[in-house]
N, C-alpha and C. Protein backbone atom coordinates (compact mmCIF):
# COMPACT_ATOMS: atom_id res chain seq x y z
N MET A 1 -73.01 14.85 -28.37
CA MET A 1 -71.68 13.90 -28.83
C MET A 1 -70.83 14.70 -29.55
N ARG A 2 -70.77 15.23 -30.44
CA ARG A 2 -69.84 15.91 -31.13
C ARG A 2 -69.28 17.20 -29.84
N ARG A 3 -69.96 17.66 -29.20
CA ARG A 3 -69.68 19.18 -28.41
C ARG A 3 -68.58 18.05 -27.49
N GLY A 4 -69.09 17.08 -26.92
CA GLY A 4 -68.57 16.65 -25.81
C GLY A 4 -66.82 16.17 -26.73
N ALA A 5 -67.00 15.44 -27.59
CA ALA A 5 -65.45 14.95 -28.23
C ALA A 5 -64.75 16.28 -28.76
N LEU A 6 -65.19 17.26 -29.24
CA LEU A 6 -64.47 18.63 -29.62
C LEU A 6 -63.89 19.14 -28.16
N LEU A 7 -64.46 19.13 -27.13
CA LEU A 7 -64.19 19.61 -25.78
C LEU A 7 -63.12 18.48 -25.51
N ALA A 8 -63.12 17.19 -25.79
CA ALA A 8 -62.40 16.32 -25.29
C ALA A 8 -60.98 16.58 -25.84
N VAL A 9 -61.22 17.07 -27.34
CA VAL A 9 -59.90 17.46 -27.91
C VAL A 9 -59.18 18.64 -27.52
N ALA A 10 -59.87 19.54 -26.93
CA ALA A 10 -59.27 20.58 -26.64
C ALA A 10 -58.78 20.62 -25.19
N GLY A 11 -59.30 19.96 -24.40
CA GLY A 11 -58.46 19.63 -23.07
C GLY A 11 -57.67 18.62 -23.17
N ALA A 12 -57.70 17.62 -23.90
CA ALA A 12 -56.29 17.07 -24.51
C ALA A 12 -55.05 17.96 -24.61
N VAL A 13 -55.24 18.57 -25.63
CA VAL A 13 -54.22 19.44 -26.35
C VAL A 13 -54.03 20.73 -25.33
N ALA A 14 -54.72 21.33 -24.47
CA ALA A 14 -54.39 21.94 -23.51
C ALA A 14 -53.61 21.72 -22.34
N LEU A 15 -54.05 20.24 -21.85
CA LEU A 15 -53.26 19.51 -20.94
C LEU A 15 -52.24 18.80 -21.54
N GLY A 16 -51.93 18.69 -22.91
CA GLY A 16 -50.89 18.24 -23.50
C GLY A 16 -49.86 19.12 -23.62
N ALA A 17 -50.14 20.25 -23.69
CA ALA A 17 -49.20 21.52 -23.48
C ALA A 17 -48.77 21.84 -22.56
N LEU A 18 -49.47 21.88 -21.40
CA LEU A 18 -49.30 22.22 -19.97
C LEU A 18 -48.33 21.04 -19.42
N ASN A 19 -48.77 19.72 -19.60
CA ASN A 19 -47.71 18.65 -19.66
C ASN A 19 -46.37 18.84 -20.07
N THR A 20 -46.12 19.33 -21.37
CA THR A 20 -44.98 19.59 -22.19
C THR A 20 -44.45 20.79 -21.80
N LEU A 21 -45.13 21.58 -21.29
CA LEU A 21 -44.16 22.65 -20.26
C LEU A 21 -43.53 22.09 -19.31
N GLY A 22 -44.20 21.33 -18.28
CA GLY A 22 -43.78 20.65 -17.35
C GLY A 22 -42.51 20.04 -17.80
N ASP A 23 -42.42 19.36 -18.81
CA ASP A 23 -41.22 18.37 -19.34
C ASP A 23 -39.98 19.50 -19.60
N LEU A 24 -40.47 20.46 -20.07
CA LEU A 24 -39.41 21.69 -20.17
C LEU A 24 -38.87 21.94 -19.03
N LEU A 25 -39.81 22.35 -17.98
CA LEU A 25 -39.16 22.82 -16.55
C LEU A 25 -38.20 21.49 -15.99
N TRP A 26 -38.91 20.13 -16.07
CA TRP A 26 -37.88 19.02 -15.44
C TRP A 26 -36.47 19.10 -16.07
N ALA A 27 -36.87 19.16 -17.29
CA ALA A 27 -35.40 19.13 -18.17
C ALA A 27 -34.59 20.43 -17.65
N ARG A 28 -34.67 21.51 -17.73
CA ARG A 28 -33.90 22.62 -17.43
C ARG A 28 -33.80 23.00 -16.20
N PHE A 29 -34.36 22.91 -15.24
CA PHE A 29 -34.13 23.10 -13.80
C PHE A 29 -34.24 22.25 -12.61
N VAL A 30 -34.68 20.95 -13.08
CA VAL A 30 -34.77 19.78 -12.22
C VAL A 30 -33.45 19.02 -12.31
N SER A 31 -32.48 19.07 -11.79
CA SER A 31 -31.40 17.99 -12.10
C SER A 31 -31.46 16.80 -11.46
N ALA A 32 -32.24 16.24 -10.62
CA ALA A 32 -32.68 15.14 -9.76
C ALA A 32 -33.96 15.35 -9.73
N HIS A 33 -34.56 13.86 -9.69
CA HIS A 33 -36.15 13.79 -9.12
C HIS A 33 -36.09 14.14 -7.82
N ARG A 34 -37.20 15.24 -7.18
CA ARG A 34 -37.52 15.16 -6.15
C ARG A 34 -39.11 15.23 -5.92
N MET A 35 -39.55 14.38 -4.60
CA MET A 35 -40.70 14.21 -4.39
C MET A 35 -41.67 15.46 -4.34
N PHE A 36 -40.69 16.60 -3.96
CA PHE A 36 -41.51 18.04 -3.76
C PHE A 36 -42.15 18.33 -5.07
N PHE A 37 -40.94 18.26 -6.20
CA PHE A 37 -41.19 18.70 -7.38
C PHE A 37 -42.41 18.17 -8.34
N GLY A 38 -42.30 16.53 -7.78
CA GLY A 38 -43.32 15.67 -8.32
C GLY A 38 -44.95 15.64 -7.88
N ILE A 39 -44.80 15.93 -6.73
CA ILE A 39 -46.19 16.63 -6.15
C ILE A 39 -46.57 17.57 -6.70
N VAL A 40 -45.80 18.70 -6.82
CA VAL A 40 -46.24 19.91 -7.16
C VAL A 40 -46.60 19.96 -8.43
N HIS A 41 -46.01 19.01 -9.33
CA HIS A 41 -46.24 18.90 -10.89
C HIS A 41 -47.39 18.27 -10.73
N GLY A 42 -47.83 17.17 -10.14
CA GLY A 42 -49.17 16.31 -10.36
C GLY A 42 -50.51 17.38 -10.12
N ALA A 43 -49.76 18.28 -8.83
CA ALA A 43 -51.19 19.14 -8.18
C ALA A 43 -51.14 20.09 -9.43
N VAL A 44 -50.54 20.72 -10.12
CA VAL A 44 -50.75 21.70 -11.03
C VAL A 44 -51.67 21.08 -12.36
N LEU A 45 -51.00 20.00 -12.39
CA LEU A 45 -51.44 19.14 -13.83
C LEU A 45 -52.89 19.02 -13.58
N SER A 46 -53.01 18.49 -12.34
CA SER A 46 -54.59 18.17 -11.74
C SER A 46 -55.63 19.03 -11.57
N LEU A 47 -54.82 20.32 -10.93
CA LEU A 47 -55.91 21.81 -10.97
C LEU A 47 -56.34 21.98 -12.15
N ALA A 48 -55.28 21.84 -13.13
CA ALA A 48 -55.85 22.37 -14.59
C ALA A 48 -57.08 21.45 -15.35
N ILE A 49 -56.97 20.05 -14.96
CA ILE A 49 -57.99 19.32 -15.47
C ILE A 49 -59.38 19.49 -14.79
N GLY A 50 -59.08 19.52 -13.57
CA GLY A 50 -60.24 20.02 -12.62
C GLY A 50 -60.90 21.48 -12.98
N LEU A 51 -60.19 22.57 -13.25
CA LEU A 51 -60.69 23.78 -13.71
C LEU A 51 -61.25 23.61 -15.24
N PHE A 52 -60.78 22.78 -15.96
CA PHE A 52 -61.15 22.31 -17.27
C PHE A 52 -62.57 21.58 -17.32
N LEU A 53 -62.73 20.47 -16.72
CA LEU A 53 -63.82 19.82 -16.13
C LEU A 53 -64.92 20.88 -15.74
N GLY A 54 -64.58 21.76 -14.47
CA GLY A 54 -65.09 22.65 -13.89
C GLY A 54 -65.84 23.71 -14.79
N LEU A 55 -64.94 24.00 -15.79
CA LEU A 55 -65.50 25.32 -16.77
C LEU A 55 -66.51 24.40 -17.61
N VAL A 56 -66.65 23.34 -17.96
CA VAL A 56 -67.40 22.78 -18.97
C VAL A 56 -68.93 22.12 -18.09
N ARG A 57 -68.60 22.13 -16.79
CA ARG A 57 -69.85 21.47 -16.10
C ARG A 57 -70.55 22.97 -15.54
N GLY A 58 -69.74 23.94 -15.54
CA GLY A 58 -70.17 25.25 -14.92
C GLY A 58 -69.97 25.48 -13.49
N ARG A 59 -68.76 24.71 -13.18
CA ARG A 59 -68.77 25.05 -11.67
C ARG A 59 -67.05 24.92 -11.51
N PRO A 60 -66.49 26.21 -12.34
CA PRO A 60 -64.82 25.83 -12.48
C PRO A 60 -64.12 26.11 -10.86
N ALA A 61 -64.81 26.62 -10.10
CA ALA A 61 -63.99 26.47 -8.67
C ALA A 61 -64.04 25.32 -8.22
N ARG A 62 -65.08 24.86 -8.00
CA ARG A 62 -65.25 23.10 -7.24
C ARG A 62 -64.30 22.33 -8.02
N GLY A 63 -64.23 22.54 -9.37
CA GLY A 63 -63.66 21.66 -10.38
C GLY A 63 -61.96 22.05 -9.90
N ALA A 64 -61.48 23.04 -9.98
CA ALA A 64 -60.30 23.70 -9.62
C ALA A 64 -59.78 22.86 -8.18
N TRP A 65 -60.86 22.83 -7.51
CA TRP A 65 -59.97 22.62 -6.03
C TRP A 65 -59.96 21.10 -6.08
N GLY A 66 -61.46 20.32 -6.58
CA GLY A 66 -61.46 18.88 -6.42
C GLY A 66 -60.17 18.33 -7.65
N GLY A 67 -59.97 18.99 -8.62
CA GLY A 67 -58.84 18.36 -9.52
C GLY A 67 -57.57 18.84 -8.56
N THR A 68 -57.17 19.53 -7.43
CA THR A 68 -56.16 19.45 -6.95
C THR A 68 -56.03 18.45 -5.73
N ALA A 69 -57.02 18.07 -5.15
CA ALA A 69 -57.48 17.22 -4.42
C ALA A 69 -56.95 15.77 -5.24
N VAL A 70 -57.59 15.43 -6.45
CA VAL A 70 -57.39 14.11 -7.18
C VAL A 70 -55.82 14.14 -7.40
N GLY A 71 -55.18 15.09 -7.83
CA GLY A 71 -53.91 15.54 -8.14
C GLY A 71 -52.85 14.83 -7.17
N LEU A 72 -53.17 15.68 -5.75
CA LEU A 72 -52.32 15.24 -4.79
C LEU A 72 -52.25 13.76 -4.34
N ALA A 73 -53.43 13.52 -4.31
CA ALA A 73 -53.71 12.19 -3.96
C ALA A 73 -53.12 10.74 -5.01
N ALA A 74 -53.14 11.17 -6.27
CA ALA A 74 -52.42 10.35 -7.54
C ALA A 74 -51.30 10.70 -7.17
N ALA A 75 -50.43 11.84 -7.12
CA ALA A 75 -49.14 11.93 -6.86
C ALA A 75 -48.55 11.24 -5.80
N ALA A 76 -49.23 11.56 -4.29
CA ALA A 76 -48.89 10.83 -3.21
C ALA A 76 -48.76 9.34 -3.64
N SER A 77 -49.74 9.05 -4.54
CA SER A 77 -49.68 7.33 -4.37
C SER A 77 -48.60 6.48 -5.20
N PHE A 78 -48.39 7.57 -5.73
CA PHE A 78 -46.81 7.16 -7.01
C PHE A 78 -45.83 7.02 -5.91
N TYR A 79 -45.57 7.87 -4.89
CA TYR A 79 -44.56 7.99 -4.01
C TYR A 79 -44.51 6.98 -2.90
N VAL A 80 -45.85 6.73 -3.01
CA VAL A 80 -46.04 5.47 -1.94
C VAL A 80 -45.60 3.95 -2.62
N LEU A 81 -46.18 4.51 -4.12
CA LEU A 81 -45.89 2.97 -4.68
C LEU A 81 -44.45 2.63 -5.02
N ALA A 82 -43.67 3.98 -5.47
CA ALA A 82 -42.73 3.54 -6.18
C ALA A 82 -41.37 3.23 -5.44
N PRO A 83 -41.26 3.07 -4.22
CA PRO A 83 -40.27 1.91 -3.90
C PRO A 83 -40.27 0.58 -4.13
N VAL A 84 -41.57 0.13 -4.54
CA VAL A 84 -41.61 -1.52 -4.55
C VAL A 84 -41.78 -1.47 -6.24
N LEU A 85 -42.36 -0.61 -6.89
CA LEU A 85 -42.58 -0.66 -8.42
C LEU A 85 -41.60 0.06 -9.30
N GLY A 86 -40.66 1.15 -8.48
CA GLY A 86 -40.02 2.24 -9.31
C GLY A 86 -40.71 3.02 -10.08
N TYR A 87 -40.40 3.23 -11.28
CA TYR A 87 -41.23 4.36 -12.24
C TYR A 87 -42.49 3.53 -12.80
N ALA A 88 -42.39 2.24 -12.90
CA ALA A 88 -43.75 1.48 -12.85
C ALA A 88 -44.87 2.14 -12.26
N ALA A 89 -44.50 2.53 -10.88
CA ALA A 89 -45.90 3.25 -10.12
C ALA A 89 -46.55 4.31 -10.79
N MET A 90 -46.07 4.68 -11.70
CA MET A 90 -46.78 5.97 -12.92
C MET A 90 -48.02 5.26 -13.11
N PHE A 91 -48.19 4.17 -13.56
CA PHE A 91 -49.29 3.25 -14.32
C PHE A 91 -50.38 3.46 -13.73
N PRO A 92 -50.19 3.07 -12.44
CA PRO A 92 -51.38 2.58 -11.72
C PRO A 92 -51.80 4.37 -10.95
N SER A 93 -50.78 4.98 -10.84
CA SER A 93 -51.21 6.48 -10.27
C SER A 93 -51.85 7.03 -11.37
N TRP A 94 -51.57 7.00 -12.51
CA TRP A 94 -52.18 7.78 -13.57
C TRP A 94 -53.64 7.08 -13.82
N ILE A 95 -54.18 5.71 -13.60
CA ILE A 95 -55.24 5.07 -13.83
C ILE A 95 -55.91 5.52 -12.60
N ALA A 96 -55.70 5.72 -11.32
CA ALA A 96 -56.07 6.32 -10.13
C ALA A 96 -56.76 7.79 -10.34
N LEU A 97 -55.70 8.41 -11.14
CA LEU A 97 -56.15 9.95 -11.48
C LEU A 97 -57.47 9.79 -12.04
N TRP A 98 -57.68 9.04 -13.49
CA TRP A 98 -58.95 9.43 -13.78
C TRP A 98 -59.95 8.71 -13.35
N ILE A 99 -59.33 7.48 -12.40
CA ILE A 99 -61.16 7.44 -11.41
C ILE A 99 -61.29 8.30 -10.71
N GLY A 100 -60.25 9.24 -10.17
CA GLY A 100 -60.47 10.01 -9.36
C GLY A 100 -61.02 11.04 -10.07
N PHE A 101 -60.94 11.65 -11.07
CA PHE A 101 -61.63 12.72 -12.14
C PHE A 101 -62.96 12.19 -12.14
N ALA A 102 -63.39 10.88 -12.67
CA ALA A 102 -64.33 10.45 -13.17
C ALA A 102 -65.41 10.37 -11.74
N PHE A 103 -64.87 10.27 -10.62
CA PHE A 103 -65.80 10.51 -8.99
C PHE A 103 -65.89 11.91 -9.08
N LEU A 104 -65.17 12.64 -9.41
CA LEU A 104 -65.13 14.33 -9.34
C LEU A 104 -66.31 14.85 -10.15
N ASP A 105 -65.98 14.04 -11.15
CA ASP A 105 -67.14 14.84 -12.65
C ASP A 105 -68.12 14.40 -11.81
N SER A 106 -68.67 13.14 -11.52
CA SER A 106 -70.34 12.67 -11.22
C SER A 106 -70.55 13.43 -9.91
N ARG A 107 -69.81 13.26 -9.07
CA ARG A 107 -69.93 13.64 -7.50
C ARG A 107 -69.82 15.09 -7.39
N GLY A 108 -68.85 15.76 -7.57
CA GLY A 108 -68.36 17.17 -7.27
C GLY A 108 -68.89 18.27 -8.50
N LEU A 109 -69.15 17.52 -9.68
CA LEU A 109 -69.49 18.61 -10.92
C LEU A 109 -71.17 17.81 -11.42
N GLY A 110 -71.72 17.02 -10.50
CA GLY A 110 -72.97 16.54 -11.28
C GLY A 110 -73.32 16.19 -12.54
N ALA A 111 -72.07 15.41 -13.16
CA ALA A 111 -72.08 15.12 -14.69
C ALA A 111 -72.78 13.60 -14.73
N ALA A 112 -72.47 12.63 -14.08
CA ALA A 112 -72.95 11.39 -14.24
C ALA A 112 -73.41 10.92 -12.83
N THR A 113 -74.58 9.92 -12.94
CA THR A 113 -74.70 9.09 -11.62
C THR A 113 -74.61 8.04 -11.96
N GLY A 114 -74.47 7.35 -10.88
CA GLY A 114 -74.60 5.73 -10.48
C GLY A 114 -73.72 4.93 -11.41
N ARG A 115 -74.19 4.41 -11.89
CA ARG A 115 -73.51 3.37 -13.13
C ARG A 115 -73.05 3.92 -14.35
N SER A 116 -73.64 5.11 -14.57
CA SER A 116 -72.70 5.78 -15.57
C SER A 116 -71.45 6.18 -15.13
N ALA A 117 -71.49 6.91 -13.69
CA ALA A 117 -70.18 7.34 -13.41
C ALA A 117 -69.05 6.21 -13.30
N VAL A 118 -69.67 5.18 -13.02
CA VAL A 118 -68.74 3.74 -12.80
C VAL A 118 -68.06 3.73 -14.18
N VAL A 119 -68.85 3.42 -15.04
CA VAL A 119 -68.56 3.41 -16.32
C VAL A 119 -67.58 4.37 -17.06
N ARG A 120 -67.84 5.36 -16.86
CA ARG A 120 -66.96 6.53 -17.43
C ARG A 120 -65.34 6.29 -17.01
N GLY A 121 -65.64 6.19 -15.40
CA GLY A 121 -64.27 6.35 -14.79
C GLY A 121 -63.55 5.06 -15.29
N LEU A 122 -64.16 4.03 -15.46
CA LEU A 122 -63.32 2.75 -15.77
C LEU A 122 -62.69 2.93 -17.11
N LEU A 123 -63.60 3.42 -18.22
CA LEU A 123 -63.19 3.94 -19.40
C LEU A 123 -62.01 4.81 -19.59
N ALA A 124 -62.20 5.93 -19.00
CA ALA A 124 -61.23 6.86 -18.87
C ALA A 124 -59.94 6.38 -18.18
N ALA A 125 -59.55 5.59 -17.14
CA ALA A 125 -58.87 4.67 -16.35
C ALA A 125 -58.44 3.76 -17.42
N LEU A 126 -58.75 2.96 -18.09
CA LEU A 126 -58.55 2.25 -19.16
C LEU A 126 -58.09 2.65 -20.46
N GLY A 127 -58.58 3.28 -20.85
CA GLY A 127 -58.37 4.02 -22.27
C GLY A 127 -56.99 5.19 -21.96
N SER A 128 -57.20 5.91 -20.88
CA SER A 128 -55.95 6.83 -20.75
C SER A 128 -54.82 5.93 -20.29
N GLY A 129 -55.24 4.90 -19.51
CA GLY A 129 -54.01 4.23 -19.01
C GLY A 129 -53.22 3.36 -19.98
N LEU A 130 -53.87 3.04 -21.00
CA LEU A 130 -53.22 2.07 -22.22
C LEU A 130 -52.47 3.32 -23.28
N ALA A 131 -53.12 4.67 -23.15
CA ALA A 131 -52.36 5.60 -23.83
C ALA A 131 -51.13 5.84 -23.12
N PHE A 132 -51.34 6.09 -21.89
CA PHE A 132 -50.15 6.78 -21.01
C PHE A 132 -49.15 5.72 -21.36
N TYR A 133 -49.57 4.36 -21.34
CA TYR A 133 -48.48 3.18 -21.38
C TYR A 133 -47.73 3.22 -22.55
N ALA A 134 -48.25 3.35 -23.86
CA ALA A 134 -47.94 3.87 -25.09
C ALA A 134 -47.02 4.87 -25.01
N ILE A 135 -47.24 6.11 -24.42
CA ILE A 135 -46.13 7.39 -24.73
C ILE A 135 -45.14 7.34 -23.87
N SER A 136 -44.91 6.17 -22.87
CA SER A 136 -44.09 6.06 -21.66
C SER A 136 -42.28 6.33 -21.94
N GLY A 137 -42.37 5.72 -23.29
CA GLY A 137 -41.09 5.94 -23.88
C GLY A 137 -40.27 7.41 -23.63
N ILE A 138 -41.18 8.65 -23.48
CA ILE A 138 -40.62 9.51 -23.76
C ILE A 138 -39.90 9.90 -22.34
N TRP A 139 -40.27 9.06 -21.10
CA TRP A 139 -39.19 9.34 -20.09
C TRP A 139 -38.22 8.26 -19.83
N THR A 140 -39.23 6.98 -19.94
CA THR A 140 -38.19 5.52 -19.94
C THR A 140 -36.96 5.41 -21.03
N ARG A 141 -37.36 6.26 -22.11
CA ARG A 141 -36.14 6.26 -23.17
C ARG A 141 -36.15 7.14 -23.64
N PRO A 142 -35.50 8.31 -22.87
CA PRO A 142 -35.30 9.55 -23.30
C PRO A 142 -34.05 9.50 -24.47
N ARG A 143 -34.43 10.78 -24.98
CA ARG A 143 -33.73 11.01 -26.37
C ARG A 143 -32.16 11.29 -25.88
N PRO A 144 -31.43 10.96 -26.65
CA PRO A 144 -30.06 11.35 -26.08
C PRO A 144 -29.61 12.95 -26.01
N GLY A 145 -30.39 13.62 -26.77
CA GLY A 145 -30.15 15.64 -27.22
C GLY A 145 -30.97 15.94 -26.58
N GLY A 146 -31.58 15.26 -25.69
CA GLY A 146 -33.00 16.21 -24.64
C GLY A 146 -34.18 16.01 -25.38
N PRO A 147 -35.06 16.37 -24.61
CA PRO A 147 -36.72 16.05 -24.98
C PRO A 147 -36.85 16.78 -26.70
N ASP A 148 -37.71 16.20 -27.60
CA ASP A 148 -38.24 16.79 -28.41
C ASP A 148 -39.71 17.17 -28.15
N TYR A 149 -40.02 18.34 -27.48
CA TYR A 149 -41.35 19.07 -27.11
C TYR A 149 -42.30 18.75 -28.26
N THR A 150 -42.44 18.95 -29.37
CA THR A 150 -43.25 18.84 -30.66
C THR A 150 -43.82 17.35 -30.35
N TYR A 151 -42.78 16.43 -30.15
CA TYR A 151 -43.43 14.83 -30.24
C TYR A 151 -43.88 14.88 -28.62
N ASN A 152 -43.31 15.43 -27.76
CA ASN A 152 -44.09 15.34 -26.25
C ASN A 152 -44.90 15.73 -26.17
N LEU A 153 -45.69 17.16 -26.86
CA LEU A 153 -47.13 17.52 -27.03
C LEU A 153 -48.10 16.72 -27.65
N ALA A 154 -47.35 16.09 -28.78
CA ALA A 154 -48.33 15.07 -29.67
C ALA A 154 -48.68 13.84 -28.53
N CYS A 155 -47.65 13.31 -27.87
CA CYS A 155 -47.82 12.28 -26.73
C CYS A 155 -48.63 12.70 -25.81
N TRP A 156 -48.56 13.60 -24.70
CA TRP A 156 -49.20 14.03 -23.81
C TRP A 156 -50.74 14.18 -24.40
N THR A 157 -51.06 14.45 -25.50
CA THR A 157 -52.14 14.97 -25.93
C THR A 157 -53.15 13.40 -26.12
N PHE A 158 -52.18 12.69 -26.84
CA PHE A 158 -52.51 11.16 -26.75
C PHE A 158 -53.13 10.73 -25.64
N ALA A 159 -52.08 10.84 -24.92
CA ALA A 159 -52.42 10.15 -23.44
C ALA A 159 -53.59 10.96 -22.38
N PHE A 160 -53.94 12.01 -22.77
CA PHE A 160 -54.88 12.72 -22.08
C PHE A 160 -56.56 12.62 -22.83
N LEU A 161 -56.44 12.36 -24.17
CA LEU A 161 -57.64 12.37 -25.04
C LEU A 161 -58.52 11.35 -24.31
N PRO A 162 -58.15 9.93 -24.16
CA PRO A 162 -59.06 8.89 -23.64
C PRO A 162 -59.78 9.01 -22.68
N GLY A 163 -59.33 9.62 -21.68
CA GLY A 163 -59.75 9.99 -20.11
C GLY A 163 -60.67 11.20 -20.36
N PHE A 164 -60.23 12.16 -21.18
CA PHE A 164 -61.58 13.42 -21.73
C PHE A 164 -62.67 12.58 -22.60
N LEU A 165 -62.46 11.85 -23.60
CA LEU A 165 -63.41 11.32 -24.09
C LEU A 165 -64.46 10.53 -23.47
N ALA A 166 -63.89 10.04 -22.43
CA ALA A 166 -64.63 8.96 -21.33
C ALA A 166 -65.40 9.59 -20.75
N LEU A 167 -65.04 10.97 -20.34
CA LEU A 167 -65.96 11.84 -19.37
C LEU A 167 -66.81 13.13 -20.10
N LEU A 168 -66.41 13.32 -21.50
CA LEU A 168 -67.05 14.25 -22.13
C LEU A 168 -68.06 13.93 -22.99
N THR A 169 -67.95 12.71 -23.36
CA THR A 169 -68.76 12.25 -24.23
C THR A 169 -70.09 11.55 -23.72
N GLY A 170 -70.96 11.46 -24.40
CA GLY A 170 -72.51 10.82 -24.17
C GLY A 170 -73.48 11.98 -23.38
N LYS A 171 -74.52 11.28 -23.11
CA LYS A 171 -75.44 12.25 -22.34
C LYS A 171 -75.04 12.61 -20.81
N VAL A 172 -75.58 13.72 -20.47
CA VAL A 172 -75.33 14.13 -19.15
C VAL A 172 -76.35 14.79 -18.67
N PRO A 173 -77.10 14.28 -17.27
CA PRO A 173 -78.26 14.42 -17.04
C PRO A 173 -78.26 15.86 -16.83
N ARG A 174 -79.62 16.10 -16.78
CA ARG A 174 -79.77 17.71 -16.28
C ARG A 174 -80.44 18.09 -15.29
N GLU A 175 -79.92 19.10 -14.81
CA GLU A 175 -80.31 19.20 -13.59
C GLU A 175 -81.65 19.74 -12.76
């Protein structure tokens, strides 16, 4: 349990840093939101999440490939939902992202089976979805002077932590 919690914190900080770098790139180089950049952003972040989970589970390549697929699907879901929901489409897409990672972690990486995988996926989606909503002000109400990257790092770390905790804590079946 302790190892899983430490890994979850490490993963949340690493992904928080990567997403904060993404915030910096969006602020400096992307003058208007473009679907191409959003899909690339989602795929890169999800590749990193998948790689991290794959490293933890001893299957890094499978994790990276699976993570990229999950990210592409979640990013595409945002652009399908955005015409109806606007930026609020980020919330169901974020939840779908974590459900996808629970599926990857269980089926693709062999970390959980059956009911355990479903429970972990729902906990990851719910916990991370609520945390994501809580930090959404970093893009719905941006600071007038531009992003505060230290604050963004803390926010993104907070948003990733419940998902990693749900996936990485508890018993993992032995092969």
